[in-house]
Amino acid sequence: MATVTLRSQRFKVLLAGVFSQLLCIGVARFAYTPLLPVMQQQSWMGDADGGWLAALNYAGYMLGAVLAASIRRIHVKDTLYRICLVLAVLTTAGMALTEHFWLWAGLRFWAGFSSSGAMLLASGLILHWLIQHRQRGELGIHFAGLGLGIVLAAVAVELMLALSLDWQAQWWGFSLLGVVLLVPAWRWLPRPLPAVPGTSGDKTAAANPPTRTFMRWMLAAYFCAGYGYVISATFIVTIVEREPLLAGAGNWTFALVGLAAAPAVILWDLVARRIGYLGALILAMSLQVIGIVLPAMTTNLAAVLLSAVLYGGTFLGCVSLVLTMAGRLYPASPARLMGQMTLAYGAAQMIAPALTGMLAEASGHYNVGLWLAGGFVALGALLFAWLRRVDQTAQRLDAEAKAAVYAP
């Protein structure tokens, strides 16, 4: 009976992570993507303004990521996680209360801060609970919530458009949805207990610090990955909706991105077993290049849907593979390397939307931004390939990936 109860509680803890992703990523972050064309049609917002707001959202995420990586006390992390849940709801509701650019900017910044609560704090708290209760430390279900959050945002906007709700009413709708999601995200993740000897890692694996060569190329390549990720994540619905032949397909395209992203973590773990972490990253980024540039090459619906699948099925895999590598290099405390990687990834996410929005406003389309993003991702894949060839740390990580036993 105790075993059944523990399994039930474990399932609820993992679902708390999913609901936190649905709230902090699906609502607080990704509701903006399908709502962007609606806001541009019904308010004063232009392409450059939309890009700057997206950049500020990622600046908030970076602040949250750095703060999450610097906190050591588990109870402080738990408190900040719950603050992020509340912030996600408040910043979503705030978007409906104003049309002032700088107020929107502040709201998007703190919405980005809240999204780090789901991505980083929740994952750490869930792992802490799993380890303390002698459960397998797996987060595939948790990270699947990110893809499901994209689906939720896209479908919710499509349904509210069918009801002829304007952009403000849709933000209110997302706010109410956020309140519903907050309850299980808050209640189903227990407050952390004091560490129990023998369960929290008294015996920790030794760190395998990366070489300077590894860090230089890795940070540069991950910056490129971040640049490519954020363009489609921010503008894909707007890009699709502006094509006369594709009008009305934007939200469903975005939903397809989420459906492809949901199983991506597990699938790319399996690929890494075959060809190593670096090999998997090179393959994922090569496919992502195709996914990013396809909408700039053709307005064929089948090609655009293929673009959504390729993009959705790769961007989360890249993040997962890099975080796994950080854990391999610093198994006892991966926060240091994760923090450095997050800064590189986040810096690109601040620069890219603002630049792409300005380019789109100047040219009247997003094609230049898409080609630039595809070029950055291609460069990142080449950097990973060079890293794989010349650096012993990379070779060791690939060997470990191939030797690892995947636990579903």
Protein backbone atom coordinates (compact mmCIF):
# COMPACT_ATOMS: atom_id res chain seq x y z
CA MET A 1 0.00 0.00 0.00
CA ALA A 2 2.85 2.36 0.86
CA THR A 3 4.41 1.65 -2.53
CA VAL A 4 1.16 2.50 -4.31
CA THR A 5 0.89 5.74 -2.31
CA LEU A 6 4.47 6.70 -3.15
CA ARG A 7 3.90 6.03 -6.84
CA SER A 8 0.76 8.16 -6.75
CA GLN A 9 2.61 10.99 -5.03
CA ARG A 10 5.49 10.70 -7.50
CA PHE A 11 3.03 11.04 -10.37
CA LYS A 12 1.50 14.16 -8.77
CA VAL A 13 4.94 15.70 -8.24
CA LEU A 14 5.83 15.16 -11.89
CA LEU A 15 2.45 16.58 -12.94
CA ALA A 16 3.13 19.64 -10.76
CA GLY A 17 6.12 20.24 -12.99
CA VAL A 18 3.98 19.85 -16.10
CA PHE A 19 1.41 22.33 -14.78
CA SER A 20 4.18 24.78 -13.87
CA GLN A 21 5.39 24.56 -17.47
CA LEU A 22 1.88 25.06 -18.81
CA LEU A 23 1.51 28.17 -16.63
CA CYS A 24 4.95 29.80 -16.74
CA ILE A 25 5.90 28.76 -20.28
CA GLY A 26 2.61 28.09 -22.08
CA VAL A 27 0.70 31.06 -20.64
CA ALA A 28 3.23 33.61 -19.33
CA ARG A 29 5.71 33.14 -22.18
CA PHE A 30 4.15 31.56 -25.25
CA ALA A 31 0.70 33.16 -25.18
CA TYR A 32 2.51 36.18 -26.62
CA THR A 33 3.46 34.36 -29.84
CA PRO A 34 -0.06 33.56 -31.15
CA LEU A 35 -1.41 36.83 -29.71
CA LEU A 36 1.25 38.97 -31.41
CA PRO A 37 -0.51 39.20 -34.82
CA VAL A 38 -3.83 39.89 -33.06
CA MET A 39 -2.27 42.70 -31.02
CA GLN A 40 -0.62 44.14 -34.14
CA GLN A 41 -3.96 44.19 -35.95
CA GLN A 42 -5.97 45.67 -33.08
CA SER A 43 -3.48 48.00 -31.37
CA TRP A 44 -0.67 50.39 -32.30
CA MET A 45 2.07 47.70 -32.04
CA GLY A 46 4.50 47.38 -34.96
CA ASP A 47 7.07 44.74 -35.86
CA ALA A 48 9.94 46.47 -34.07
CA ASP A 49 7.86 46.95 -30.91
CA GLY A 50 6.92 43.26 -30.93
CA GLY A 51 10.57 42.32 -31.25
CA TRP A 52 11.69 44.54 -28.39
CA LEU A 53 9.00 43.15 -26.08
CA ALA A 54 10.18 39.62 -26.88
CA ALA A 55 13.78 40.63 -26.19
CA LEU A 56 12.82 42.03 -22.78
CA ASN A 57 10.97 38.81 -21.98
CA TYR A 58 14.21 36.88 -22.51
CA ALA A 59 16.14 39.42 -20.45
CA GLY A 60 13.79 38.58 -17.57
CA TYR A 61 14.37 34.88 -18.14
CA MET A 62 18.12 35.44 -17.98
CA LEU A 63 17.82 37.25 -14.64
CA GLY A 64 15.72 34.39 -13.28
CA ALA A 65 18.17 31.80 -14.60
CA VAL A 66 21.18 33.52 -13.03
CA LEU A 67 19.33 33.90 -9.73
CA ALA A 68 18.19 30.26 -9.79
CA ALA A 69 21.75 29.08 -10.44
CA SER A 70 23.19 31.20 -7.62
CA ILE A 71 20.78 30.07 -4.87
CA ARG A 72 22.05 27.14 -2.81
CA ARG A 73 19.33 26.70 -0.14
CA ILE A 74 16.54 24.43 -1.34
CA HIS A 75 13.88 26.19 0.75
CA VAL A 76 14.74 29.54 -0.84
CA LYS A 77 14.41 27.93 -4.26
CA ASP A 78 11.00 26.60 -3.28
CA THR A 79 9.85 30.06 -2.17
CA LEU A 80 11.10 31.66 -5.39
CA TYR A 81 9.36 28.94 -7.42
CA ARG A 82 6.04 29.85 -5.84
CA ILE A 83 6.67 33.56 -6.38
CA CYS A 84 7.23 32.76 -10.05
CA LEU A 85 3.87 30.97 -10.26
CA VAL A 86 2.07 34.05 -8.92
CA LEU A 87 4.09 36.38 -11.15
CA ALA A 88 3.07 34.34 -14.20
CA VAL A 89 -0.61 35.01 -13.48
CA LEU A 90 -0.19 38.68 -12.52
CA THR A 91 1.95 39.61 -15.53
CA THR A 92 -0.51 37.88 -17.86
CA ALA A 93 -3.44 39.80 -16.40
CA GLY A 94 -1.45 43.03 -16.54
CA MET A 95 -1.14 42.79 -20.34
CA ALA A 96 -4.90 43.37 -20.61
CA LEU A 97 -4.86 46.48 -18.41
CA THR A 98 -2.69 48.79 -20.49
CA GLU A 99 -1.52 49.72 -23.98
CA HIS A 100 1.56 51.63 -22.78
CA PHE A 101 4.77 50.26 -24.29
CA TRP A 102 6.92 50.60 -21.17
CA LEU A 103 4.31 48.98 -18.95
CA TRP A 104 4.09 46.12 -21.42
CA ALA A 105 7.89 45.98 -21.40
CA GLY A 106 7.97 45.61 -17.61
CA LEU A 107 5.26 42.96 -17.68
CA ARG A 108 7.04 40.93 -20.38
CA PHE A 109 10.30 41.20 -18.44
CA TRP A 110 8.77 39.78 -15.25
CA ALA A 111 6.83 37.19 -17.23
CA GLY A 112 10.20 36.03 -18.56
CA PHE A 113 11.53 35.94 -15.01
CA SER A 114 8.61 33.72 -14.00
CA SER A 115 9.31 31.28 -16.84
CA SER A 116 12.70 30.45 -15.32
CA GLY A 117 10.76 29.18 -12.31
CA ALA A 118 9.27 26.38 -14.36
CA MET A 119 12.34 25.61 -16.44
CA LEU A 120 15.00 25.64 -13.75
CA LEU A 121 13.62 25.89 -10.21
CA ALA A 122 10.84 23.33 -10.68
CA SER A 123 13.20 20.82 -12.28
CA GLY A 124 15.62 21.12 -9.35
CA LEU A 125 12.85 20.81 -6.76
CA ILE A 126 11.37 17.78 -8.50
CA LEU A 127 14.77 16.09 -8.68
CA HIS A 128 15.31 16.84 -4.99
CA TRP A 129 12.01 15.16 -4.11
CA LEU A 130 12.69 12.15 -6.34
CA ILE A 131 16.15 11.58 -4.86
CA GLN A 132 14.91 11.95 -1.28
CA HIS A 133 12.22 9.35 -1.92
CA ARG A 134 14.59 6.99 -3.74
CA GLN A 135 12.83 7.46 -7.07
CA ARG A 136 14.48 7.51 -10.48
CA GLY A 137 15.68 11.03 -11.33
CA GLU A 138 13.97 11.50 -14.68
CA LEU A 139 12.51 14.73 -16.04
CA GLY A 140 11.18 13.70 -19.44
CA ILE A 141 7.57 14.22 -18.34
CA HIS A 142 8.45 17.60 -16.82
CA PHE A 143 10.08 18.94 -19.98
CA ALA A 144 7.29 17.54 -22.13
CA GLY A 145 5.20 20.22 -20.44
CA LEU A 146 7.02 22.86 -22.47
CA GLY A 147 5.77 21.40 -25.74
CA LEU A 148 2.29 20.95 -24.30
CA GLY A 149 2.40 24.59 -23.17
CA ILE A 150 2.95 25.68 -26.77
CA VAL A 151 -0.02 23.56 -27.86
CA LEU A 152 -2.15 25.04 -25.07
CA ALA A 153 -1.31 28.63 -26.06
CA ALA A 154 -2.02 28.04 -29.75
CA VAL A 155 -5.30 26.19 -29.25
CA ALA A 156 -6.52 28.68 -26.62
CA VAL A 157 -6.01 31.64 -28.97
CA GLU A 158 -7.69 29.80 -31.83
CA LEU A 159 -10.73 29.05 -29.65
CA MET A 160 -10.94 32.63 -28.36
CA LEU A 161 -10.68 33.99 -31.91
CA ALA A 162 -13.63 31.77 -32.82
CA LEU A 163 -15.54 33.56 -30.05
CA SER A 164 -14.55 36.92 -31.60
CA LEU A 165 -12.70 38.05 -28.47
CA ASP A 166 -10.35 41.00 -28.89
CA TRP A 167 -6.72 40.94 -27.74
CA GLN A 168 -7.51 42.30 -24.26
CA ALA A 169 -10.23 39.73 -23.64
CA GLN A 170 -7.83 37.01 -24.74
CA TRP A 171 -5.23 38.12 -22.19
CA TRP A 172 -7.99 37.96 -19.55
CA GLY A 173 -8.85 34.46 -20.76
CA PHE A 174 -5.23 33.40 -20.34
CA SER A 175 -5.23 34.95 -16.85
CA LEU A 176 -8.18 32.81 -15.78
CA LEU A 177 -6.52 29.77 -17.30
CA GLY A 178 -3.37 30.65 -15.37
CA VAL A 179 -5.26 30.68 -12.06
CA VAL A 180 -6.56 27.18 -12.79
CA LEU A 181 -3.06 25.91 -13.64
CA LEU A 182 -1.50 27.55 -10.58
CA VAL A 183 -3.46 25.37 -8.15
CA PRO A 184 -1.92 21.95 -9.01
CA ALA A 185 1.48 23.51 -9.77
CA TRP A 186 1.49 24.90 -6.22
CA ARG A 187 -0.28 22.16 -4.26
CA TRP A 188 1.16 19.01 -5.85
CA LEU A 189 4.83 19.94 -5.37
CA PRO A 190 5.51 19.39 -1.64
CA ARG A 191 7.66 21.77 0.35
CA PRO A 192 11.21 20.36 0.54
CA LEU A 193 12.13 18.34 3.61
CA PRO A 194 15.51 18.47 5.38
CA ALA A 195 18.11 16.29 3.65
CA VAL A 196 18.19 12.67 4.77
CA PRO A 197 21.67 11.13 5.00
CA GLY A 198 22.27 8.70 2.17
CA THR A 199 19.54 10.06 -0.11
CA SER A 200 20.77 13.42 -1.29
CA GLY A 201 24.03 12.44 -2.73
CA ASP A 202 26.50 11.86 0.10
CA LYS A 203 28.54 10.05 -2.47
CA THR A 204 28.88 12.31 -5.46
CA ALA A 205 30.68 11.73 -8.67
CA ALA A 206 33.84 13.67 -9.29
CA ALA A 207 33.72 16.64 -11.62
CA ASN A 208 35.33 16.42 -15.04
CA PRO A 209 36.07 20.11 -15.73
CA PRO A 210 35.93 21.03 -19.41
CA THR A 211 38.99 22.34 -21.20
CA ARG A 212 39.21 26.00 -22.23
CA THR A 213 38.86 24.96 -25.85
CA PHE A 214 35.66 23.11 -25.04
CA MET A 215 34.15 26.09 -23.19
CA ARG A 216 35.01 28.62 -25.91
CA TRP A 217 33.49 26.61 -28.74
CA MET A 218 30.58 25.39 -26.62
CA LEU A 219 29.52 28.88 -25.55
CA ALA A 220 29.79 30.20 -29.11
CA ALA A 221 27.82 27.27 -30.54
CA TYR A 222 25.11 27.53 -27.89
CA PHE A 223 24.79 31.27 -28.56
CA CYS A 224 24.08 30.38 -32.19
CA ALA A 225 21.48 27.82 -31.09
CA GLY A 226 19.76 30.44 -28.94
CA TYR A 227 19.60 32.89 -31.84
CA GLY A 228 17.94 30.34 -34.09
CA TYR A 229 15.48 29.14 -31.45
CA VAL A 230 14.02 32.48 -30.52
CA ILE A 231 13.07 33.72 -34.00
CA SER A 232 10.58 30.96 -34.76
CA ALA A 233 9.45 30.82 -31.12
CA THR A 234 8.49 34.50 -31.26
CA PHE A 235 7.39 35.21 -34.83
CA ILE A 236 6.22 31.94 -36.43
CA VAL A 237 2.50 32.69 -36.06
CA THR A 238 2.92 36.23 -37.43
CA ILE A 239 5.04 34.94 -40.34
CA VAL A 240 2.44 32.35 -41.34
CA GLU A 241 -0.56 34.65 -40.91
CA ARG A 242 0.93 37.33 -43.19
CA GLU A 243 0.99 34.95 -46.14
CA PRO A 244 -2.37 35.20 -47.96
CA LEU A 245 -2.34 31.51 -48.86
CA LEU A 246 -1.66 30.51 -45.23
CA ALA A 247 -3.95 32.93 -43.38
CA GLY A 248 -5.70 31.12 -40.56
CA ALA A 249 -3.04 28.41 -40.23
CA GLY A 250 -0.69 30.29 -37.88
CA ASN A 251 -1.99 29.00 -34.55
CA TRP A 252 -2.29 25.43 -35.80
CA THR A 253 1.28 25.61 -37.08
CA PHE A 254 2.39 26.78 -33.63
CA ALA A 255 0.43 23.94 -32.03
CA LEU A 256 2.27 21.50 -34.29
CA VAL A 257 5.56 22.94 -32.99
CA GLY A 258 4.45 22.05 -29.46
CA LEU A 259 3.32 18.55 -30.39
CA ALA A 260 6.70 17.89 -32.01
CA ALA A 261 8.55 19.34 -29.01
CA ALA A 262 6.74 17.28 -26.34
CA PRO A 263 8.57 13.95 -26.95
CA ALA A 264 11.79 15.59 -28.16
CA VAL A 265 13.79 15.16 -24.94
CA ILE A 266 13.31 11.40 -24.87
CA LEU A 267 13.93 10.99 -28.60
CA TRP A 268 17.18 12.97 -28.62
CA ASP A 269 18.43 11.05 -25.58
CA LEU A 270 18.03 7.91 -27.68
CA VAL A 271 19.85 9.50 -30.62
CA ALA A 272 22.71 10.52 -28.30
CA ARG A 273 23.12 6.88 -27.30
CA ARG A 274 23.82 6.05 -30.92
CA ILE A 275 26.02 8.93 -32.04
CA GLY A 276 27.02 10.76 -28.84
CA TYR A 277 25.98 14.15 -27.42
CA LEU A 278 27.91 16.21 -29.92
CA GLY A 279 26.75 14.07 -32.83
CA ALA A 280 23.14 14.45 -31.69
CA LEU A 281 23.55 18.23 -31.36
CA ILE A 282 25.04 18.50 -34.85
CA LEU A 283 22.16 16.48 -36.32
CA ALA A 284 19.49 18.41 -34.37
CA MET A 285 20.86 21.80 -35.40
CA SER A 286 21.24 20.74 -39.03
CA LEU A 287 17.55 19.73 -39.12
CA GLN A 288 16.64 22.94 -37.31
CA VAL A 289 18.27 25.02 -40.05
CA ILE A 290 15.88 23.49 -42.57
CA GLY A 291 12.93 24.08 -40.25
CA ILE A 292 13.82 27.74 -39.76
CA VAL A 293 14.42 28.73 -43.40
CA LEU A 294 11.60 26.77 -45.07
CA PRO A 295 8.98 29.54 -44.51
CA ALA A 296 11.36 31.99 -46.21
CA MET A 297 11.69 29.69 -49.23
CA THR A 298 8.06 28.74 -49.89
CA THR A 299 4.49 29.46 -48.83
CA ASN A 300 3.37 25.89 -49.48
CA LEU A 301 1.33 24.71 -46.49
CA ALA A 302 2.91 21.24 -46.40
CA ALA A 303 6.38 22.81 -46.33
CA VAL A 304 5.40 25.18 -43.52
CA LEU A 305 4.00 22.29 -41.48
CA LEU A 306 7.21 20.34 -42.09
CA SER A 307 9.09 23.42 -40.88
CA ALA A 308 7.05 23.37 -37.65
CA VAL A 309 7.81 19.69 -37.04
CA LEU A 310 11.55 20.09 -37.72
CA TYR A 311 11.81 23.17 -35.52
CA GLY A 312 9.64 21.84 -32.70
CA GLY A 313 11.36 18.47 -32.72
CA THR A 314 14.86 19.93 -32.37
CA PHE A 315 15.02 23.10 -30.26
CA LEU A 316 14.13 21.45 -26.95
CA GLY A 317 16.37 18.51 -27.76
CA CYS A 318 19.33 20.89 -28.11
CA VAL A 319 18.65 22.40 -24.69
CA SER A 320 18.23 18.98 -23.09
CA LEU A 321 21.46 17.63 -24.60
CA VAL A 322 23.48 20.62 -23.44
CA LEU A 323 22.07 20.47 -19.90
CA THR A 324 22.81 16.74 -19.79
CA MET A 325 26.40 17.44 -20.82
CA ALA A 326 26.68 20.00 -18.01
CA GLY A 327 25.47 17.36 -15.56
CA ARG A 328 28.08 14.91 -16.84
CA LEU A 329 30.89 17.42 -16.42
CA TYR A 330 29.79 18.60 -12.94
CA PRO A 331 27.58 15.80 -11.57
CA ALA A 332 27.60 17.12 -8.00
CA SER A 333 26.78 20.73 -8.90
CA PRO A 334 26.02 21.45 -12.55
CA ALA A 335 24.68 24.95 -11.83
CA ARG A 336 27.99 26.68 -12.67
CA LEU A 337 28.22 25.41 -16.24
CA MET A 338 24.45 25.60 -16.72
CA GLY A 339 24.60 29.26 -15.70
CA GLN A 340 27.33 30.03 -18.24
CA MET A 341 25.45 28.19 -20.98
CA THR A 342 22.20 29.97 -20.08
CA LEU A 343 23.91 33.36 -20.34
CA ALA A 344 25.19 32.53 -23.83
CA TYR A 345 21.80 31.17 -24.95
CA GLY A 346 19.93 34.05 -23.32
CA ALA A 347 22.16 36.77 -24.77
CA ALA A 348 21.22 35.58 -28.25
CA GLN A 349 17.54 35.55 -27.26
CA MET A 350 17.78 39.21 -26.24
CA ILE A 351 19.53 40.34 -29.43
CA ALA A 352 17.70 38.28 -32.05
CA PRO A 353 14.02 39.33 -31.60
CA ALA A 354 14.83 43.04 -31.46
CA LEU A 355 17.04 42.85 -34.57
CA THR A 356 14.54 40.68 -36.46
CA GLY A 357 11.65 43.00 -35.60
CA MET A 358 13.56 46.02 -36.91
CA LEU A 359 14.54 44.16 -40.09
CA ALA A 360 10.92 43.12 -40.64
CA GLU A 361 9.66 46.65 -40.13
CA ALA A 362 12.22 47.98 -42.62
CA SER A 363 11.63 45.31 -45.28
CA GLY A 364 7.98 44.45 -44.75
CA HIS A 365 8.67 40.74 -44.21
CA TYR A 366 10.58 38.34 -41.97
CA ASN A 367 12.61 36.54 -44.65
CA VAL A 368 15.88 38.31 -43.86
CA GLY A 369 15.48 37.47 -40.17
CA LEU A 370 14.76 33.82 -40.95
CA TRP A 371 17.80 33.45 -43.20
CA LEU A 372 19.97 35.16 -40.59
CA ALA A 373 18.66 32.81 -37.90
CA GLY A 374 19.26 29.78 -40.14
CA GLY A 375 22.80 31.00 -40.77
CA PHE A 376 23.51 31.28 -37.05
CA VAL A 377 22.24 27.75 -36.38
CA ALA A 378 24.29 26.39 -39.28
CA LEU A 379 27.36 28.12 -37.83
CA GLY A 380 26.57 26.57 -34.44
CA ALA A 381 26.41 23.09 -35.99
CA LEU A 382 29.81 23.68 -37.62
CA LEU A 383 31.27 24.81 -34.29
CA PHE A 384 29.96 21.67 -32.58
CA ALA A 385 31.48 19.59 -35.39
CA TRP A 386 34.84 21.29 -34.91
CA LEU A 387 34.57 20.81 -31.15
CA ARG A 388 33.83 17.13 -31.59
CA ARG A 389 36.90 16.73 -33.76
CA VAL A 390 39.54 18.60 -31.75
CA ASP A 391 38.60 18.48 -28.06
CA GLN A 392 39.18 15.49 -25.79
CA THR A 393 36.41 16.57 -23.39
CA ALA A 394 33.89 16.41 -26.23
CA GLN A 395 35.16 13.01 -27.27
CA ARG A 396 34.85 11.71 -23.71
CA LEU A 397 31.27 12.99 -23.40
CA ASP A 398 30.31 11.33 -26.67
CA ALA A 399 31.81 8.06 -25.45
CA GLU A 400 29.82 8.33 -22.19
CA ALA A 401 26.60 8.97 -24.09
CA LYS A 402 27.08 5.91 -26.24
CA ALA A 403 27.82 3.80 -23.17
CA ALA A 404 24.87 5.07 -21.14
CA VAL A 405 21.81 2.90 -20.58
CA TYR A 406 18.63 4.79 -21.31
CA ALA A 407 16.02 4.49 -18.55
CA PRO A 408 12.52 5.28 -19.83
